[in-house]
Protein backbone atom coordinates (compact mmCIF):
# COMPACT_ATOMS: atom_id res chain seq x y z
CA UNK A 1 33.12 45.34 -3.25
CA UNK A 2 32.55 47.98 -5.90
CA UNK A 3 32.56 46.44 -9.34
CA UNK A 4 32.67 48.11 -12.72
CA UNK A 5 31.08 46.65 -15.85
CA UNK A 6 34.56 45.75 -17.11
CA UNK A 7 35.17 43.59 -14.08
CA UNK A 8 37.52 43.21 -11.17
CA UNK A 9 40.28 40.64 -11.06
CA UNK A 10 39.46 38.09 -8.38
CA UNK A 11 40.53 34.79 -6.91
CA UNK A 12 37.79 32.15 -6.89
CA UNK A 13 37.65 29.27 -4.43
CA UNK A 14 35.02 26.59 -5.02
CA UNK A 15 34.34 23.93 -2.40
CA UNK A 16 31.97 21.10 -3.36
CA UNK A 17 30.64 18.84 -0.62
CA UNK A 18 29.09 15.72 -2.19
CA UNK A 19 27.20 13.12 -0.16
CA UNK A 20 25.78 9.93 -1.59
CA UNK A 21 24.63 7.58 1.16
CA UNK A 22 27.67 6.82 3.34
CA UNK A 23 30.08 8.24 0.74
CA UNK A 24 31.34 11.80 1.31
CA UNK A 25 33.66 13.69 -0.99
CA UNK A 26 34.98 17.24 -0.74
CA UNK A 27 36.51 18.82 -3.84
CA UNK A 28 38.26 22.19 -3.62
CA UNK A 29 39.50 24.26 -6.56
CA UNK A 30 41.20 27.65 -6.76
CA UNK A 31 41.17 29.82 -9.87
CA UNK A 32 41.59 33.38 -11.02
CA UNK A 33 38.80 35.18 -12.77
CA UNK A 34 36.69 38.30 -13.20
CA UNK A 35 33.70 39.57 -11.26
CA UNK A 36 31.39 42.19 -12.72
CA UNK A 37 27.89 43.59 -12.42
CA UNK A 38 25.41 43.93 -15.24
CA UNK A 39 21.91 45.14 -14.44
CA UNK A 40 20.72 43.50 -11.21
CA UNK A 41 23.05 40.51 -11.58
CA UNK A 42 26.59 39.66 -10.48
CA UNK A 43 28.74 37.63 -12.91
CA UNK A 44 31.75 35.53 -11.96
CA UNK A 45 33.90 34.20 -14.83
CA UNK A 46 36.78 31.81 -14.24
CA UNK A 47 38.64 28.91 -15.83
CA UNK A 48 39.42 25.67 -14.07
CA UNK A 49 41.23 22.49 -14.97
CA UNK A 50 39.73 19.02 -14.67
CA UNK A 51 41.70 15.93 -15.66
CA UNK A 52 44.14 18.12 -17.61
CA UNK A 53 41.33 19.78 -19.60
CA UNK A 54 40.23 23.41 -19.32
CA UNK A 55 36.66 24.32 -18.37
CA UNK A 56 35.36 27.89 -18.64
CA UNK A 57 32.75 28.70 -16.01
CA UNK A 58 30.28 31.56 -15.82
CA UNK A 59 28.10 32.05 -12.73
CA UNK A 60 25.26 34.57 -12.97
CA UNK A 61 23.82 35.48 -9.59
CA UNK A 62 20.43 37.16 -9.81
CA UNK A 63 17.83 38.14 -7.24
CA UNK A 64 15.83 34.88 -7.50
CA UNK A 65 18.10 32.43 -9.32
CA UNK A 66 21.66 31.37 -10.01
CA UNK A 67 22.72 30.25 -13.49
CA UNK A 68 25.76 28.02 -13.98
CA UNK A 69 27.26 27.66 -17.47
CA UNK A 70 30.36 25.58 -18.08
CA UNK A 71 32.05 24.97 -21.43
CA UNK A 72 35.19 23.25 -22.65
CA UNK A 73 36.01 19.68 -21.58
CA UNK A 74 32.43 19.49 -20.28
CA UNK A 75 29.38 21.56 -21.13
CA UNK A 76 26.80 22.21 -18.45
CA UNK A 77 23.86 24.53 -18.15
CA UNK A 78 21.96 24.58 -14.87
CA UNK A 79 19.60 26.97 -13.11
CA UNK A 80 19.14 27.01 -9.34
CA UNK A 81 15.97 28.45 -7.78
CA UNK A 82 15.38 28.16 -4.04
CA UNK A 83 12.82 25.47 -3.12
CA UNK A 84 12.29 24.54 -6.79
CA UNK A 85 13.23 21.76 -9.19
CA UNK A 86 14.98 22.89 -12.36
CA UNK A 87 16.20 20.99 -15.40
CA UNK A 88 19.51 21.27 -17.17
CA UNK A 89 22.03 19.30 -19.20
CA UNK A 90 25.56 17.96 -18.79
CA UNK A 91 27.68 16.97 -21.78
CA UNK A 92 30.98 15.14 -21.36
CA UNK A 93 33.06 12.80 -23.53
CA UNK A 94 30.80 10.03 -22.15
CA UNK A 95 27.60 11.53 -23.57
CA UNK A 96 24.81 13.98 -22.81
CA UNK A 97 22.94 13.60 -19.53
CA UNK A 98 19.65 15.08 -18.37
CA UNK A 99 20.17 16.88 -15.06
CA UNK A 100 17.57 17.87 -12.49
CA UNK A 101 18.38 19.85 -9.36
CA UNK A 102 16.13 20.34 -6.37
CA UNK A 103 17.57 23.43 -4.73
CA UNK A 104 17.12 23.70 -0.97
CA UNK A 105 19.02 26.88 -0.22
CA UNK A 106 20.76 29.80 -1.93
CA UNK A 107 22.69 32.32 0.16
CA UNK A 108 24.58 35.27 -1.28
CA UNK A 109 26.67 37.68 0.79
CA UNK A 110 28.64 40.67 -0.43
CA UNK A 111 31.37 42.22 1.70
CA UNK A 112 33.84 45.03 1.02
CA UNK A 113 36.49 42.89 -0.72
CA UNK A 114 34.78 39.52 -1.21
CA UNK A 115 31.54 37.78 -2.09
CA UNK A 116 30.27 34.38 -1.00
CA UNK A 117 27.69 32.16 -2.67
CA UNK A 118 26.31 29.03 -1.04
CA UNK A 119 24.04 26.50 -2.79
CA UNK A 120 22.62 23.27 -1.40
CA UNK A 121 20.73 20.91 -3.65
CA UNK A 122 19.90 17.34 -4.58
CA UNK A 123 21.25 16.31 -7.97
CA UNK A 124 19.57 13.81 -10.28
CA UNK A 125 21.25 12.42 -13.42
CA UNK A 126 19.06 10.64 -15.96
CA UNK A 127 16.31 10.48 -13.29
CA UNK A 128 18.51 8.79 -10.65
CA UNK A 129 19.57 10.63 -7.50
CA UNK A 130 23.32 11.29 -7.67
CA UNK A 131 23.58 12.77 -4.18
CA UNK A 132 23.25 15.82 -1.97
CA UNK A 133 25.51 18.69 -2.94
CA UNK A 134 26.65 21.81 -1.12
CA UNK A 135 28.62 24.32 -3.16
CA UNK A 136 30.44 27.28 -1.61
CA UNK A 137 32.01 29.86 -3.93
CA UNK A 138 34.20 32.50 -2.27
CA UNK A 139 35.44 35.33 -4.48
CA UNK A 140 38.11 37.72 -3.21
CA UNK A 141 39.38 40.87 -4.84
CA UNK A 142 43.00 40.51 -5.95
CA UNK A 143 45.49 43.06 -4.67
CA UNK A 144 46.58 45.66 -7.21
CA UNK A 145 50.23 45.21 -8.18
């Protein structure tokens, strides 16, 4: 996928697989957004809706880390580095929470008309394990009209 600095219009599918003991939940969202390159990084910008509220999301995919920034109904800043623990924050109407992720795997693949990002990590909120997470983001180039 050749990408200019102004960005390509894309469709973004995010599948979250959350496991907490015997509980398993899969959440799937579809959005439209932009994908662009800047320096050695790939950026994916998209908006999603959660409980009727809009959340703007920016994913920055670098050579050694992935940054996730969300703003709007919730605010979240989190860094993922393979085989490392990283700290972040999550702010919602219920308060501000300290977040720690222990990232097990990061896979990034780029094809002619799509990119795929896979993250697997353990998530801790306020020091308590919230579960095992697997996040798959598939970004496809939209057809020109």
